[in-house]
Amino acid sequence: LFVSALICATFIDLDHFEIPDVFTIGLGVAGVILACA
């Protein structure tokens, strides 16, 4: 899951100079939840 988000964020940032919140805020929330699980 982490790798998938990194790949999406990388190529979107290369194309548009921005990273959507789903790959920043969403990924951060997912990281905390998965760390507990």
PDB file of all heavy atoms in Angstrom:
ATOM      1  N   LEU A   1       0.840  -1.204   0.000  1.00  0.00           N
ATOM      2  CA  LEU A   1       0.000   0.000   0.000  1.00  0.00           C
ATOM      3  C   LEU A   1       0.875   1.254   0.000  1.00  0.00           C
ATOM      4  O   LEU A   1       0.616   2.207  -0.754  1.00  0.00           O
ATOM      5  CB  LEU A   1      -0.910  -0.010   1.226  1.00  0.00           C
ATOM      6  CG  LEU A   1      -1.739   1.258   1.453  1.00  0.00           C
ATOM      7  CD1 LEU A   1      -2.734   1.468   0.306  1.00  0.00           C
ATOM      8  CD2 LEU A   1      -2.479   1.201   2.784  1.00  0.00           C
ATOM      9  N   PHE A   2       1.900   1.254   0.821  1.00  0.00           N
ATOM     10  CA  PHE A   2       2.809   2.395   0.912  1.00  0.00           C
ATOM     11  C   PHE A   2       3.497   2.653  -0.421  1.00  0.00           C
ATOM     12  O   PHE A   2       3.548   3.792  -0.904  1.00  0.00           O
ATOM     13  CB  PHE A   2       3.836   2.101   2.006  1.00  0.00           C
ATOM     14  CG  PHE A   2       4.800   3.214   2.288  1.00  0.00           C
ATOM     15  CD1 PHE A   2       4.353   4.512   2.490  1.00  0.00           C
ATOM     16  CD2 PHE A   2       6.160   2.965   2.388  1.00  0.00           C
ATOM     17  CE1 PHE A   2       5.239   5.545   2.766  1.00  0.00           C
ATOM     18  CE2 PHE A   2       7.057   3.974   2.662  1.00  0.00           C
ATOM     19  CZ  PHE A   2       6.597   5.269   2.849  1.00  0.00           C
ATOM     20  N   VAL A   3       3.999   1.603  -1.035  1.00  0.00           N
ATOM     21  CA  VAL A   3       4.680   1.712  -2.327  1.00  0.00           C
ATOM     22  C   VAL A   3       3.725   2.264  -3.389  1.00  0.00           C
ATOM     23  O   VAL A   3       4.100   3.135  -4.191  1.00  0.00           O
ATOM     24  CB  VAL A   3       5.228   0.335  -2.745  1.00  0.00           C
ATOM     25  CG1 VAL A   3       5.507   0.284  -4.240  1.00  0.00           C
ATOM     26  CG2 VAL A   3       6.485  -0.004  -1.961  1.00  0.00           C
ATOM     27  N   SER A   4       2.493   1.773  -3.402  1.00  0.00           N
ATOM     28  CA  SER A   4       1.515   2.236  -4.390  1.00  0.00           C
ATOM     29  C   SER A   4       1.282   3.733  -4.258  1.00  0.00           C
ATOM     30  O   SER A   4       1.216   4.460  -5.259  1.00  0.00           O
ATOM     31  CB  SER A   4       0.196   1.472  -4.208  1.00  0.00           C
ATOM     32  OG  SER A   4       0.366   0.091  -4.415  1.00  0.00           O
ATOM     33  N   ALA A   5       1.142   4.205  -3.003  1.00  0.00           N
ATOM     34  CA  ALA A   5       0.916   5.635  -2.782  1.00  0.00           C
ATOM     35  C   ALA A   5       2.129   6.455  -3.200  1.00  0.00           C
ATOM     36  O   ALA A   5       1.990   7.538  -3.782  1.00  0.00           O
ATOM     37  CB  ALA A   5       0.580   5.880  -1.315  1.00  0.00           C
ATOM     38  N   LEU A   6       3.333   5.947  -2.917  1.00  0.00           N
ATOM     39  CA  LEU A   6       4.549   6.667  -3.309  1.00  0.00           C
ATOM     40  C   LEU A   6       4.642   6.802  -4.825  1.00  0.00           C
ATOM     41  O   LEU A   6       5.018   7.862  -5.343  1.00  0.00           O
ATOM     42  CB  LEU A   6       5.790   5.937  -2.779  1.00  0.00           C
ATOM     43  CG  LEU A   6       6.015   5.919  -1.269  1.00  0.00           C
ATOM     44  CD1 LEU A   6       7.321   5.191  -0.947  1.00  0.00           C
ATOM     45  CD2 LEU A   6       6.035   7.319  -0.682  1.00  0.00           C
ATOM     46  N   ILE A   7       4.297   5.748  -5.541  1.00  0.00           N
ATOM     47  CA  ILE A   7       4.363   5.782  -7.004  1.00  0.00           C
ATOM     48  C   ILE A   7       3.371   6.804  -7.553  1.00  0.00           C
ATOM     49  O   ILE A   7       3.703   7.631  -8.414  1.00  0.00           O
ATOM     50  CB  ILE A   7       4.100   4.388  -7.593  1.00  0.00           C
ATOM     51  CG1 ILE A   7       5.270   3.452  -7.275  1.00  0.00           C
ATOM     52  CG2 ILE A   7       3.883   4.461  -9.106  1.00  0.00           C
ATOM     53  CD1 ILE A   7       5.037   2.005  -7.659  1.00  0.00           C
ATOM     54  N   CYS A   8       2.134   6.762  -7.066  1.00  0.00           N
ATOM     55  CA  CYS A   8       1.123   7.725  -7.530  1.00  0.00           C
ATOM     56  C   CYS A   8       1.545   9.157  -7.223  1.00  0.00           C
ATOM     57  O   CYS A   8       1.474  10.031  -8.090  1.00  0.00           O
ATOM     58  CB  CYS A   8      -0.217   7.420  -6.867  1.00  0.00           C
ATOM     59  SG  CYS A   8      -1.104   6.029  -7.579  1.00  0.00           S
ATOM     60  N   ALA A   9       1.974   9.385  -5.982  1.00  0.00           N
ATOM     61  CA  ALA A   9       2.372  10.748  -5.592  1.00  0.00           C
ATOM     62  C   ALA A   9       3.531  11.241  -6.443  1.00  0.00           C
ATOM     63  O   ALA A   9       3.565  12.414  -6.852  1.00  0.00           O
ATOM     64  CB  ALA A   9       2.753  10.761  -4.110  1.00  0.00           C
ATOM     65  N   THR A  10       4.487  10.364  -6.737  1.00  0.00           N
ATOM     66  CA  THR A  10       5.658  10.748  -7.522  1.00  0.00           C
ATOM     67  C   THR A  10       5.275  11.227  -8.911  1.00  0.00           C
ATOM     68  O   THR A  10       5.672  12.320  -9.352  1.00  0.00           O
ATOM     69  CB  THR A  10       6.626   9.555  -7.633  1.00  0.00           C
ATOM     70  OG1 THR A  10       7.192   9.284  -6.347  1.00  0.00           O
ATOM     71  CG2 THR A  10       7.744   9.845  -8.624  1.00  0.00           C
ATOM     72  N   PHE A  11       4.485  10.444  -9.612  1.00  0.00           N
ATOM     73  CA  PHE A  11       4.196  10.786 -11.009  1.00  0.00           C
ATOM     74  C   PHE A  11       3.171  11.913 -11.125  1.00  0.00           C
ATOM     75  O   PHE A  11       3.223  12.700 -12.081  1.00  0.00           O
ATOM     76  CB  PHE A  11       3.756   9.534 -11.775  1.00  0.00           C
ATOM     77  CG  PHE A  11       4.900   8.599 -12.063  1.00  0.00           C
ATOM     78  CD1 PHE A  11       5.175   7.526 -11.235  1.00  0.00           C
ATOM     79  CD2 PHE A  11       5.729   8.837 -13.144  1.00  0.00           C
ATOM     80  CE1 PHE A  11       6.249   6.683 -11.478  1.00  0.00           C
ATOM     81  CE2 PHE A  11       6.808   8.000 -13.410  1.00  0.00           C
ATOM     82  CZ  PHE A  11       7.075   6.922 -12.575  1.00  0.00           C
ATOM     83  N   ILE A  12       2.256  12.013 -10.162  1.00  0.00           N
ATOM     84  CA  ILE A  12       1.338  13.156 -10.176  1.00  0.00           C
ATOM     85  C   ILE A  12       2.102  14.442  -9.903  1.00  0.00           C
ATOM     86  O   ILE A  12       1.854  15.477 -10.536  1.00  0.00           O
ATOM     87  CB  ILE A  12       0.211  12.946  -9.146  1.00  0.00           C
ATOM     88  CG1 ILE A  12      -0.718  11.815  -9.605  1.00  0.00           C
ATOM     89  CG2 ILE A  12      -0.589  14.232  -8.955  1.00  0.00           C
ATOM     90  CD1 ILE A  12      -1.783  11.440  -8.596  1.00  0.00           C
ATOM     91  N   ASP A  13       3.055  14.389  -8.968  1.00  0.00           N
ATOM     92  CA  ASP A  13       3.855  15.581  -8.672  1.00  0.00           C
ATOM     93  C   ASP A  13       4.709  15.962  -9.875  1.00  0.00           C
ATOM     94  O   ASP A  13       4.880  17.150 -10.181  1.00  0.00           O
ATOM     95  CB  ASP A  13       4.738  15.315  -7.448  1.00  0.00           C
ATOM     96  CG  ASP A  13       5.198  16.605  -6.768  1.00  0.00           C
ATOM     97  OD1 ASP A  13       4.605  17.663  -7.038  1.00  0.00           O
ATOM     98  OD2 ASP A  13       6.137  16.548  -5.955  1.00  0.00           O
ATOM     99  N   LEU A  14       5.256  14.992 -10.569  1.00  0.00           N
ATOM    100  CA  LEU A  14       6.039  15.285 -11.776  1.00  0.00           C
ATOM    101  C   LEU A  14       5.181  15.941 -12.859  1.00  0.00           C
ATOM    102  O   LEU A  14       5.636  16.829 -13.576  1.00  0.00           O
ATOM    103  CB  LEU A  14       6.659  13.998 -12.323  1.00  0.00           C
ATOM    104  CG  LEU A  14       7.841  13.408 -11.549  1.00  0.00           C
ATOM    105  CD1 LEU A  14       8.200  12.037 -12.094  1.00  0.00           C
ATOM    106  CD2 LEU A  14       9.046  14.333 -11.603  1.00  0.00           C
ATOM    107  N   ASP A  15       3.921  15.507 -12.967  1.00  0.00           N
ATOM    108  CA  ASP A  15       3.044  16.021 -14.019  1.00  0.00           C
ATOM    109  C   ASP A  15       2.397  17.354 -13.655  1.00  0.00           C
ATOM    110  O   ASP A  15       2.208  18.217 -14.523  1.00  0.00           O
ATOM    111  CB  ASP A  15       1.934  15.005 -14.319  1.00  0.00           C
ATOM    112  CG  ASP A  15       2.456  13.766 -15.040  1.00  0.00           C
ATOM    113  OD1 ASP A  15       3.569  13.831 -15.596  1.00  0.00           O
ATOM    114  OD2 ASP A  15       1.751  12.745 -15.033  1.00  0.00           O
ATOM    115  N   HIS A  16       2.039  17.527 -12.371  1.00  0.00           N
ATOM    116  CA  HIS A  16       1.195  18.661 -11.997  1.00  0.00           C
ATOM    117  C   HIS A  16       1.777  19.544 -10.882  1.00  0.00           C
ATOM    118  O   HIS A  16       1.139  20.516 -10.481  1.00  0.00           O
ATOM    119  CB  HIS A  16      -0.180  18.151 -11.542  1.00  0.00           C
ATOM    120  CG  HIS A  16      -0.894  17.333 -12.572  1.00  0.00           C
ATOM    121  ND1 HIS A  16      -1.562  17.890 -13.634  1.00  0.00           N
ATOM    122  CD2 HIS A  16      -1.031  15.978 -12.707  1.00  0.00           C
ATOM    123  CE1 HIS A  16      -2.092  16.921 -14.383  1.00  0.00           C
ATOM    124  NE2 HIS A  16      -1.786  15.759 -13.843  1.00  0.00           N
ATOM    125  N   PHE A  17       2.942  19.193 -10.364  1.00  0.00           N
ATOM    126  CA  PHE A  17       3.571  19.958  -9.282  1.00  0.00           C
ATOM    127  C   PHE A  17       2.654  20.046  -8.053  1.00  0.00           C
ATOM    128  O   PHE A  17       2.602  21.072  -7.377  1.00  0.00           O
ATOM    129  CB  PHE A  17       3.962  21.363  -9.749  1.00  0.00           C
ATOM    130  CG  PHE A  17       5.059  21.370 -10.771  1.00  0.00           C
ATOM    131  CD1 PHE A  17       4.758  21.414 -12.121  1.00  0.00           C
ATOM    132  CD2 PHE A  17       6.388  21.314 -10.388  1.00  0.00           C
ATOM    133  CE1 PHE A  17       5.762  21.421 -13.082  1.00  0.00           C
ATOM    134  CE2 PHE A  17       7.401  21.318 -11.338  1.00  0.00           C
ATOM    135  CZ  PHE A  17       7.084  21.362 -12.678  1.00  0.00           C
ATOM    136  N   GLU A  18       1.950  18.967  -7.772  1.00  0.00           N
ATOM    137  CA  GLU A  18       1.116  18.897  -6.587  1.00  0.00           C
ATOM    138  C   GLU A  18       0.891  17.431  -6.220  1.00  0.00           C
ATOM    139  O   GLU A  18       1.029  16.547  -7.078  1.00  0.00           O
ATOM    140  CB  GLU A  18      -0.237  19.593  -6.791  1.00  0.00           C
ATOM    141  CG  GLU A  18      -1.108  18.921  -7.836  1.00  0.00           C
ATOM    142  CD  GLU A  18      -2.470  19.580  -7.974  1.00  0.00           C
ATOM    143  OE1 GLU A  18      -2.708  20.591  -7.292  1.00  0.00           O
ATOM    144  OE2 GLU A  18      -3.291  19.075  -8.765  1.00  0.00           O
ATOM    145  N   ILE A  19       0.587  17.197  -4.943  1.00  0.00           N
ATOM    146  CA  ILE A  19       0.280  15.853  -4.480  1.00  0.00           C
ATOM    147  C   ILE A  19      -1.107  15.895  -3.860  1.00  0.00           C
ATOM    148  O   ILE A  19      -1.319  16.599  -2.871  1.00  0.00           O
ATOM    149  CB  ILE A  19       1.308  15.351  -3.448  1.00  0.00           C
ATOM    150  CG1 ILE A  19       2.724  15.429  -4.016  1.00  0.00           C
ATOM    151  CG2 ILE A  19       0.995  13.914  -3.036  1.00  0.00           C
ATOM    152  CD1 ILE A  19       3.814  15.046  -3.016  1.00  0.00           C
ATOM    153  N   PRO A  20      -2.080  15.168  -4.418  1.00  0.00           N
ATOM    154  CA  PRO A  20      -3.443  15.189  -3.865  1.00  0.00           C
ATOM    155  C   PRO A  20      -3.483  14.723  -2.402  1.00  0.00           C
ATOM    156  O   PRO A  20      -2.659  13.921  -1.969  1.00  0.00           O
ATOM    157  CB  PRO A  20      -4.203  14.205  -4.772  1.00  0.00           C
ATOM    158  CG  PRO A  20      -3.413  14.186  -6.046  1.00  0.00           C
ATOM    159  CD  PRO A  20      -1.991  14.353  -5.640  1.00  0.00           C
ATOM    160  N   ASP A  21      -4.469  15.209  -1.671  1.00  0.00           N
ATOM    161  CA  ASP A  21      -4.580  14.907  -0.240  1.00  0.00           C
ATOM    162  C   ASP A  21      -4.743  13.416   0.041  1.00  0.00           C
ATOM    163  O   ASP A  21      -4.378  12.948   1.124  1.00  0.00           O
ATOM    164  CB  ASP A  21      -5.760  15.670   0.371  1.00  0.00           C
ATOM    165  CG  ASP A  21      -5.442  17.144   0.578  1.00  0.00           C
ATOM    166  OD1 ASP A  21      -4.252  17.512   0.503  1.00  0.00           O
ATOM    167  OD2 ASP A  21      -6.381  17.929   0.804  1.00  0.00           O
ATOM    168  N   VAL A  22      -5.290  12.670  -0.914  1.00  0.00           N
ATOM    169  CA  VAL A  22      -5.468  11.233  -0.678  1.00  0.00           C
ATOM    170  C   VAL A  22      -4.130  10.534  -0.475  1.00  0.00           C
ATOM    171  O   VAL A  22      -4.036   9.524   0.224  1.00  0.00           O
ATOM    172  CB  VAL A  22      -6.256  10.589  -1.846  1.00  0.00           C
ATOM    173  CG1 VAL A  22      -5.451  10.616  -3.143  1.00  0.00           C
ATOM    174  CG2 VAL A  22      -6.660   9.155  -1.494  1.00  0.00           C
ATOM    175  N   PHE A  23      -3.053  11.097  -1.050  1.00  0.00           N
ATOM    176  CA  PHE A  23      -1.722  10.501  -0.912  1.00  0.00           C
ATOM    177  C   PHE A  23      -0.877  11.199   0.152  1.00  0.00           C
ATOM    178  O   PHE A  23       0.305  10.885   0.308  1.00  0.00           O
ATOM    179  CB  PHE A  23      -0.990  10.534  -2.251  1.00  0.00           C
ATOM    180  CG  PHE A  23      -1.721   9.826  -3.344  1.00  0.00           C
ATOM    181  CD1 PHE A  23      -2.189  10.516  -4.456  1.00  0.00           C
ATOM    182  CD2 PHE A  23      -1.986   8.473  -3.251  1.00  0.00           C
ATOM    183  CE1 PHE A  23      -2.891   9.866  -5.457  1.00  0.00           C
ATOM    184  CE2 PHE A  23      -2.686   7.808  -4.251  1.00  0.00           C
ATOM    185  CZ  PHE A  23      -3.146   8.502  -5.351  1.00  0.00           C
ATOM    186  N   THR A  24      -1.466  12.141   0.861  1.00  0.00           N
ATOM    187  CA  THR A  24      -0.769  12.816   1.959  1.00  0.00           C
ATOM    188  C   THR A  24      -1.535  12.605   3.261  1.00  0.00           C
ATOM    189  O   THR A  24      -1.164  11.777   4.090  1.00  0.00           O
ATOM    190  CB  THR A  24      -0.599  14.314   1.656  1.00  0.00           C
ATOM    191  OG1 THR A  24      -1.874  14.905   1.384  1.00  0.00           O
ATOM    192  CG2 THR A  24       0.303  14.526   0.460  1.00  0.00           C
ATOM    193  N   ILE A  25      -2.657  13.307   3.400  1.00  0.00           N
ATOM    194  CA  ILE A  25      -3.477  13.144   4.608  1.00  0.00           C
ATOM    195  C   ILE A  25      -4.024  11.718   4.696  1.00  0.00           C
ATOM    196  O   ILE A  25      -3.948  11.071   5.747  1.00  0.00           O
ATOM    197  CB  ILE A  25      -4.627  14.164   4.606  1.00  0.00           C
ATOM    198  CG1 ILE A  25      -4.070  15.595   4.655  1.00  0.00           C
ATOM    199  CG2 ILE A  25      -5.554  13.921   5.792  1.00  0.00           C
ATOM    200  CD1 ILE A  25      -5.121  16.666   4.493  1.00  0.00           C
ATOM    201  N   GLY A  26      -4.565  11.231   3.577  1.00  0.00           N
ATOM    202  CA  GLY A  26      -5.124   9.878   3.565  1.00  0.00           C
ATOM    203  C   GLY A  26      -4.084   8.825   3.885  1.00  0.00           C
ATOM    204  O   GLY A  26      -4.331   7.890   4.656  1.00  0.00           O
ATOM    205  N   LEU A  27      -2.901   8.973   3.316  1.00  0.00           N
ATOM    206  CA  LEU A  27      -1.831   8.003   3.561  1.00  0.00           C
ATOM    207  C   LEU A  27      -1.357   8.082   5.006  1.00  0.00           C
ATOM    208  O   LEU A  27      -1.044   7.056   5.626  1.00  0.00           O
ATOM    209  CB  LEU A  27      -0.668   8.260   2.602  1.00  0.00           C
ATOM    210  CG  LEU A  27       0.500   7.268   2.677  1.00  0.00           C
ATOM    211  CD1 LEU A  27       0.045   5.866   2.285  1.00  0.00           C
ATOM    212  CD2 LEU A  27       1.652   7.730   1.787  1.00  0.00           C
ATOM    213  N   GLY A  28      -1.294   9.291   5.564  1.00  0.00           N
ATOM    214  CA  GLY A  28      -0.882   9.435   6.958  1.00  0.00           C
ATOM    215  C   GLY A  28      -1.851   8.754   7.911  1.00  0.00           C
ATOM    216  O   GLY A  28      -1.439   8.048   8.851  1.00  0.00           O
ATOM    217  N   VAL A  29      -3.159   8.967   7.699  1.00  0.00           N
ATOM    218  CA  VAL A  29      -4.174   8.310   8.535  1.00  0.00           C
ATOM    219  C   VAL A  29      -4.080   6.793   8.384  1.00  0.00           C
ATOM    220  O   VAL A  29      -4.138   6.050   9.380  1.00  0.00           O
ATOM    221  CB  VAL A  29      -5.583   8.812   8.147  1.00  0.00           C
ATOM    222  CG1 VAL A  29      -6.660   8.002   8.865  1.00  0.00           C
ATOM    223  CG2 VAL A  29      -5.726  10.289   8.483  1.00  0.00           C
ATOM    224  N   ALA A  30      -3.921   6.328   7.142  1.00  0.00           N
ATOM    225  CA  ALA A  30      -3.792   4.888   6.905  1.00  0.00           C
ATOM    226  C   ALA A  30      -2.562   4.327   7.608  1.00  0.00           C
ATOM    227  O   ALA A  30      -2.593   3.213   8.157  1.00  0.00           O
ATOM    228  CB  ALA A  30      -3.709   4.607   5.409  1.00  0.00           C
ATOM    229  N   GLY A  31      -1.461   5.098   7.622  1.00  0.00           N
ATOM    230  CA  GLY A  31      -0.240   4.636   8.277  1.00  0.00           C
ATOM    231  C   GLY A  31      -0.433   4.438   9.763  1.00  0.00           C
ATOM    232  O   GLY A  31       0.032   3.441  10.341  1.00  0.00           O
ATOM    233  N   VAL A  32      -1.131   5.362  10.429  1.00  0.00           N
ATOM    234  CA  VAL A  32      -1.368   5.240  11.873  1.00  0.00           C
ATOM    235  C   VAL A  32      -2.294   4.057  12.162  1.00  0.00           C
ATOM    236  O   VAL A  32      -2.057   3.274  13.089  1.00  0.00           O
ATOM    237  CB  VAL A  32      -1.966   6.548  12.428  1.00  0.00           C
ATOM    238  CG1 VAL A  32      -2.346   6.384  13.901  1.00  0.00           C
ATOM    239  CG2 VAL A  32      -0.966   7.695  12.274  1.00  0.00           C
ATOM    240  N   ILE A  33      -3.345   3.908  11.363  1.00  0.00           N
ATOM    241  CA  ILE A  33      -4.286   2.794  11.566  1.00  0.00           C
ATOM    242  C   ILE A  33      -3.598   1.448  11.345  1.00  0.00           C
ATOM    243  O   ILE A  33      -3.746   0.515  12.148  1.00  0.00           O
ATOM    244  CB  ILE A  33      -5.500   2.946  10.631  1.00  0.00           C
ATOM    245  CG1 ILE A  33      -6.317   4.175  11.025  1.00  0.00           C
ATOM    246  CG2 ILE A  33      -6.367   1.694  10.656  1.00  0.00           C
ATOM    247  CD1 ILE A  33      -7.433   4.511  10.061  1.00  0.00           C
ATOM    248  N   LEU A  34      -2.833   1.340  10.260  1.00  0.00           N
ATOM    249  CA  LEU A  34      -2.140   0.084   9.973  1.00  0.00           C
ATOM    250  C   LEU A  34      -1.070  -0.217  11.017  1.00  0.00           C
ATOM    251  O   LEU A  34      -0.818  -1.385  11.332  1.00  0.00           O
ATOM    252  CB  LEU A  34      -1.519   0.136   8.578  1.00  0.00           C
ATOM    253  CG  LEU A  34      -2.487   0.031   7.405  1.00  0.00           C
ATOM    254  CD1 LEU A  34      -1.758   0.249   6.081  1.00  0.00           C
ATOM    255  CD2 LEU A  34      -3.186  -1.321   7.396  1.00  0.00           C
ATOM    256  N   ALA A  35      -0.432   0.813  11.556  1.00  0.00           N
ATOM    257  CA  ALA A  35       0.568   0.598  12.596  1.00  0.00           C
ATOM    258  C   ALA A  35      -0.064  -0.065  13.818  1.00  0.00           C
ATOM    259  O   ALA A  35       0.548  -0.928  14.466  1.00  0.00           O
ATOM    260  CB  ALA A  35       1.220   1.923  12.981  1.00  0.00           C
ATOM    261  N   CYS A  36      -1.290   0.340  14.141  1.00  0.00           N
ATOM    262  CA  CYS A  36      -2.000  -0.276  15.279  1.00  0.00           C
ATOM    263  C   CYS A  36      -2.477  -1.679  14.938  1.00  0.00           C
ATOM    264  O   CYS A  36      -2.451  -2.576  15.786  1.00  0.00           O
ATOM    265  CB  CYS A  36      -3.189   0.596  15.684  1.00  0.00           C
ATOM    266  SG  CYS A  36      -2.730   2.227  16.303  1.00  0.00           S
ATOM    267  N   ALA A  37      -2.922  -1.884  13.691  1.00  0.00           N
ATOM    268  CA  ALA A  37      -3.444  -3.195  13.295  1.00  0.00           C
ATOM    269  C   ALA A  37      -2.339  -4.199  13.022  1.00  0.00           C
ATOM    270  O   ALA A  37      -2.513  -5.410  13.233  1.00  0.00           O
ATOM    271  CB  ALA A  37      -4.324  -3.039  12.048  1.00  0.00           C
TER     272      ALA A  37
END
